Amino acid sequence: MTPREHLVRADLLEHIRTCGDTPALRQDVFDAIQTLARAAEVIVCTCSSLGAIAENLDMSVPVLRVDRALAEAAGQCKRVLVLVTLESTQAPTSSLFTDTNRHANNQAVIDIQLCEGAWEAFARGDLETYAQRIADAAQKHCQKHPYDVIALAQASMAVALNQPNFPDLPALTSPPLGIQTALKHLKNTTNKNITYNHTTKESSC
């Protein structure tokens, strides 16, 4: 079993939410990841707001953003509803999906929508309301447009898949896709064959 470490830095998310992308934030992200890199063979940034900063750092080990694999998978579909719960995530998520789509020469139509009221519920620890707000947003937008797939842009959003009113459409979340990508990097660079078993409601196009 390969050792794993999960570092939570809520202060970094709060910084980018309130102050944006600043040199001080970039230095703090660098310092945090540099500390992890001393004992890691691959690092996955699970924060969609910070992912672009993290993956562009020059580190001794690969630094992946968890939502890149999500964007690549969603790009294989024709019309994609991408849901986010944080305003600070909208711009980096839009750039990621647009750039991934263009580089792969895909023709997917990407529609990014904010789940109103979801993050406020998450911030106060009300995960049931958080999940419900996401499912409500998914249902609302799917009633307006014929999407092929729903992509939940933030790792924490996967809890919404279990809501009864979540649309009966293929759904993608970043944790399993990001972890699978990280394990591929491990296998390619260290020849370690690590399996990952994951079962949820989600599926692809």
Protein backbone atom coordinates (compact mmCIF):
# COMPACT_ATOMS: atom_id res chain seq x y z
CA MET A 1 0.00 0.00 0.00
CA THR A 2 1.43 3.38 -0.97
CA PRO A 3 1.38 5.96 1.88
CA ARG A 4 -1.03 8.83 1.33
CA GLU A 5 -1.18 12.28 2.87
CA HIS A 6 -4.07 14.73 2.59
CA LEU A 7 -3.27 18.36 3.35
CA VAL A 8 -6.20 20.73 3.90
CA ARG A 9 -5.45 24.46 3.56
CA ALA A 10 -8.71 26.35 3.91
CA ASP A 11 -6.73 29.59 4.24
CA LEU A 12 -5.54 29.32 0.63
CA LEU A 13 -9.08 29.01 -0.66
CA GLU A 14 -10.18 31.95 1.48
CA HIS A 15 -7.29 34.03 0.09
CA ILE A 16 -8.21 33.48 -3.55
CA ARG A 17 -11.89 34.07 -2.75
CA THR A 18 -11.25 37.40 -1.08
CA CYS A 19 -8.05 38.71 -2.72
CA GLY A 20 -7.78 36.79 -5.99
CA ASP A 21 -4.61 35.35 -7.49
CA THR A 22 -1.77 37.26 -5.80
CA PRO A 23 2.02 36.73 -5.56
CA ALA A 24 1.60 35.98 -1.85
CA LEU A 25 -0.95 33.26 -2.63
CA ARG A 26 1.30 31.70 -5.26
CA GLN A 27 4.16 31.59 -2.77
CA ASP A 28 1.96 29.97 -0.12
CA VAL A 29 0.75 27.34 -2.62
CA PHE A 30 4.36 26.70 -3.68
CA ASP A 31 5.50 26.29 -0.08
CA ALA A 32 2.66 23.89 0.75
CA ILE A 33 3.27 21.70 -2.29
CA GLN A 34 7.03 21.80 -1.88
CA THR A 35 6.61 20.35 1.62
CA LEU A 36 4.45 17.52 0.24
CA ALA A 37 6.88 16.90 -2.64
CA ARG A 38 9.63 15.87 -0.23
CA ALA A 39 7.83 12.59 0.46
CA ALA A 40 5.46 12.22 -2.52
CA GLU A 41 5.77 10.68 -5.96
CA VAL A 42 2.72 12.47 -7.32
CA ILE A 43 0.58 15.30 -5.92
CA VAL A 44 -3.07 16.01 -6.73
CA CYS A 45 -4.54 19.44 -6.04
CA THR A 46 -8.23 18.89 -5.27
CA CYS A 47 -9.15 22.59 -5.15
CA SER A 48 -10.63 23.81 -8.43
CA SER A 49 -9.93 27.43 -7.52
CA LEU A 50 -6.21 26.73 -6.97
CA GLY A 51 -5.67 24.00 -9.57
CA ALA A 52 -4.25 26.23 -12.31
CA ILE A 53 -1.67 27.67 -9.91
CA ALA A 54 -0.69 24.26 -8.57
CA GLU A 55 -0.23 22.42 -11.85
CA ASN A 56 2.02 25.14 -13.29
CA LEU A 57 4.53 24.99 -10.44
CA ASP A 58 8.01 23.68 -11.21
CA MET A 59 8.29 20.76 -8.82
CA SER A 60 10.39 17.62 -8.55
CA VAL A 61 7.26 15.44 -8.81
CA PRO A 62 4.15 15.71 -11.02
CA VAL A 63 1.50 18.09 -9.66
CA LEU A 64 -1.93 17.37 -11.13
CA ARG A 65 -5.20 19.26 -10.80
CA VAL A 66 -7.99 16.87 -9.96
CA ASP A 67 -10.45 18.45 -12.40
CA ARG A 68 -8.33 18.19 -15.57
CA ALA A 69 -9.28 14.55 -16.11
CA LEU A 70 -12.90 15.61 -15.56
CA ALA A 71 -12.66 18.22 -18.32
CA GLU A 72 -11.05 15.71 -20.67
CA ALA A 73 -13.79 13.15 -20.09
CA ALA A 74 -16.58 15.71 -20.44
CA GLY A 75 -15.12 16.96 -23.70
CA GLN A 76 -15.98 13.65 -25.31
CA CYS A 77 -19.68 14.56 -25.08
CA LYS A 78 -21.64 17.03 -27.21
CA ARG A 79 -23.39 19.29 -24.72
CA VAL A 80 -22.05 19.53 -21.17
CA LEU A 81 -23.56 21.12 -18.07
CA VAL A 82 -20.75 22.04 -15.68
CA LEU A 83 -21.88 22.94 -12.18
CA VAL A 84 -19.81 24.89 -9.64
CA THR A 85 -20.66 26.08 -6.14
CA LEU A 86 -18.09 28.84 -5.74
CA GLU A 87 -17.77 32.03 -7.77
CA SER A 88 -13.97 31.84 -7.47
CA THR A 89 -14.15 28.49 -9.28
CA GLN A 90 -16.09 29.73 -12.30
CA ALA A 91 -13.22 31.44 -14.14
CA PRO A 92 -10.57 28.71 -13.68
CA THR A 93 -13.12 26.01 -14.49
CA SER A 94 -14.23 27.84 -17.64
CA SER A 95 -10.61 28.24 -18.78
CA LEU A 96 -9.83 24.59 -18.08
CA PHE A 97 -12.82 23.17 -19.96
CA THR A 98 -12.43 25.60 -22.88
CA ASP A 99 -8.70 24.99 -23.28
CA THR A 100 -9.02 21.21 -22.89
CA ASN A 101 -11.81 21.19 -25.47
CA ARG A 102 -9.76 23.22 -27.94
CA HIS A 103 -6.51 21.29 -27.53
CA ALA A 104 -8.33 17.98 -28.05
CA ASN A 105 -10.10 19.46 -31.08
CA ASN A 106 -13.45 18.59 -29.52
CA GLN A 107 -16.68 20.35 -30.44
CA ALA A 108 -18.42 20.07 -27.08
CA VAL A 109 -20.70 22.90 -26.00
CA ILE A 110 -19.77 23.78 -22.41
CA ASP A 111 -22.31 25.51 -20.16
CA ILE A 112 -20.97 26.50 -16.73
CA GLN A 113 -23.54 27.35 -14.05
CA LEU A 114 -23.32 28.36 -10.40
CA CYS A 115 -25.38 26.44 -7.83
CA GLU A 116 -27.00 29.23 -5.87
CA GLY A 117 -26.85 28.86 -2.09
CA ALA A 118 -24.81 25.66 -2.16
CA TRP A 119 -21.51 26.98 -0.86
CA GLU A 120 -23.15 28.83 1.99
CA ALA A 121 -24.62 25.51 3.17
CA PHE A 122 -21.23 23.79 2.82
CA ALA A 123 -19.50 26.55 4.80
CA ARG A 124 -21.83 26.06 7.76
CA GLY A 125 -21.40 22.27 7.62
CA ASP A 126 -24.86 21.49 6.26
CA LEU A 127 -23.91 18.84 3.70
CA GLU A 128 -27.48 17.67 3.15
CA THR A 129 -28.58 21.14 2.01
CA TYR A 130 -25.35 21.48 0.04
CA ALA A 131 -26.13 18.31 -1.89
CA GLN A 132 -29.75 19.34 -2.35
CA ARG A 133 -28.82 22.77 -3.77
CA ILE A 134 -26.55 21.09 -6.32
CA ALA A 135 -29.24 18.61 -7.34
CA ASP A 136 -31.80 21.42 -7.58
CA ALA A 137 -29.50 23.40 -9.88
CA ALA A 138 -28.86 20.35 -12.04
CA GLN A 139 -32.58 19.68 -12.35
CA LYS A 140 -33.35 23.34 -13.11
CA HIS A 141 -30.84 23.64 -15.95
CA CYS A 142 -31.57 20.22 -17.42
CA GLN A 143 -35.23 21.19 -17.74
CA LYS A 144 -34.15 24.10 -19.95
CA HIS A 145 -31.56 22.42 -22.20
CA PRO A 146 -30.90 18.91 -23.57
CA TYR A 147 -27.51 18.11 -22.01
CA ASP A 148 -25.65 14.87 -22.66
CA VAL A 149 -23.69 14.85 -19.40
CA ILE A 150 -23.40 16.72 -16.11
CA ALA A 151 -19.91 17.50 -14.78
CA LEU A 152 -19.59 18.42 -11.10
CA ALA A 153 -16.55 20.68 -11.10
CA GLN A 154 -15.55 20.52 -7.44
CA ALA A 155 -14.52 17.36 -5.64
CA SER A 156 -16.95 17.93 -2.77
CA MET A 157 -19.95 18.00 -5.11
CA ALA A 158 -20.07 14.23 -5.62
CA VAL A 159 -22.46 13.95 -2.65
CA ALA A 160 -25.25 15.35 -4.87
CA LEU A 161 -25.36 12.19 -6.97
CA ASN A 162 -27.36 10.45 -4.24
CA GLN A 163 -30.13 13.05 -4.19
CA PRO A 164 -33.47 11.65 -5.48
CA ASN A 165 -34.07 14.59 -7.80
CA PHE A 166 -30.63 14.54 -9.42
CA PRO A 167 -31.30 14.25 -13.19
CA ASP A 168 -31.14 10.82 -14.76
CA LEU A 169 -28.21 11.70 -17.01
CA PRO A 170 -24.61 10.54 -17.19
CA ALA A 171 -22.67 12.37 -14.48
CA LEU A 172 -18.96 12.91 -13.95
CA THR A 173 -17.09 13.89 -10.79
CA SER A 174 -13.42 14.73 -10.39
CA PRO A 175 -12.24 12.47 -7.50
CA PRO A 176 -12.28 9.08 -9.28
CA LEU A 177 -11.02 10.51 -12.59
CA GLY A 178 -8.28 12.51 -10.89
CA ILE A 179 -7.14 9.57 -8.77
CA GLN A 180 -7.04 7.27 -11.80
CA THR A 181 -4.84 9.81 -13.61
CA ALA A 182 -2.52 10.07 -10.60
CA LEU A 183 -2.20 6.28 -10.42
CA LYS A 184 -1.31 6.18 -14.12
CA HIS A 185 1.48 8.66 -13.43
CA LEU A 186 2.71 6.48 -10.58
CA LYS A 187 2.68 3.39 -12.76
CA ASN A 188 4.51 5.13 -15.61
CA THR A 189 7.20 6.67 -13.41
CA THR A 190 7.70 4.01 -10.74
CA ASN A 191 6.32 0.81 -12.33
CA LYS A 192 4.03 0.45 -9.32
CA ASN A 193 0.75 -1.16 -10.31
CA ILE A 194 -1.85 0.20 -7.88
CA THR A 195 -5.52 -0.61 -8.39
CA TYR A 196 -8.38 1.73 -7.53
CA ASN A 197 -11.91 0.41 -7.11
CA HIS A 198 -14.65 3.03 -7.21
CA THR A 199 -18.39 2.56 -7.52
CA THR A 200 -20.92 5.41 -7.76
CA LYS A 201 -23.96 6.39 -9.78
CA GLU A 202 -21.78 8.31 -12.20
CA SER A 203 -21.09 7.25 -15.78
CA SER A 204 -19.90 8.68 -19.08
CA CYS A 205 -21.52 9.56 -22.40
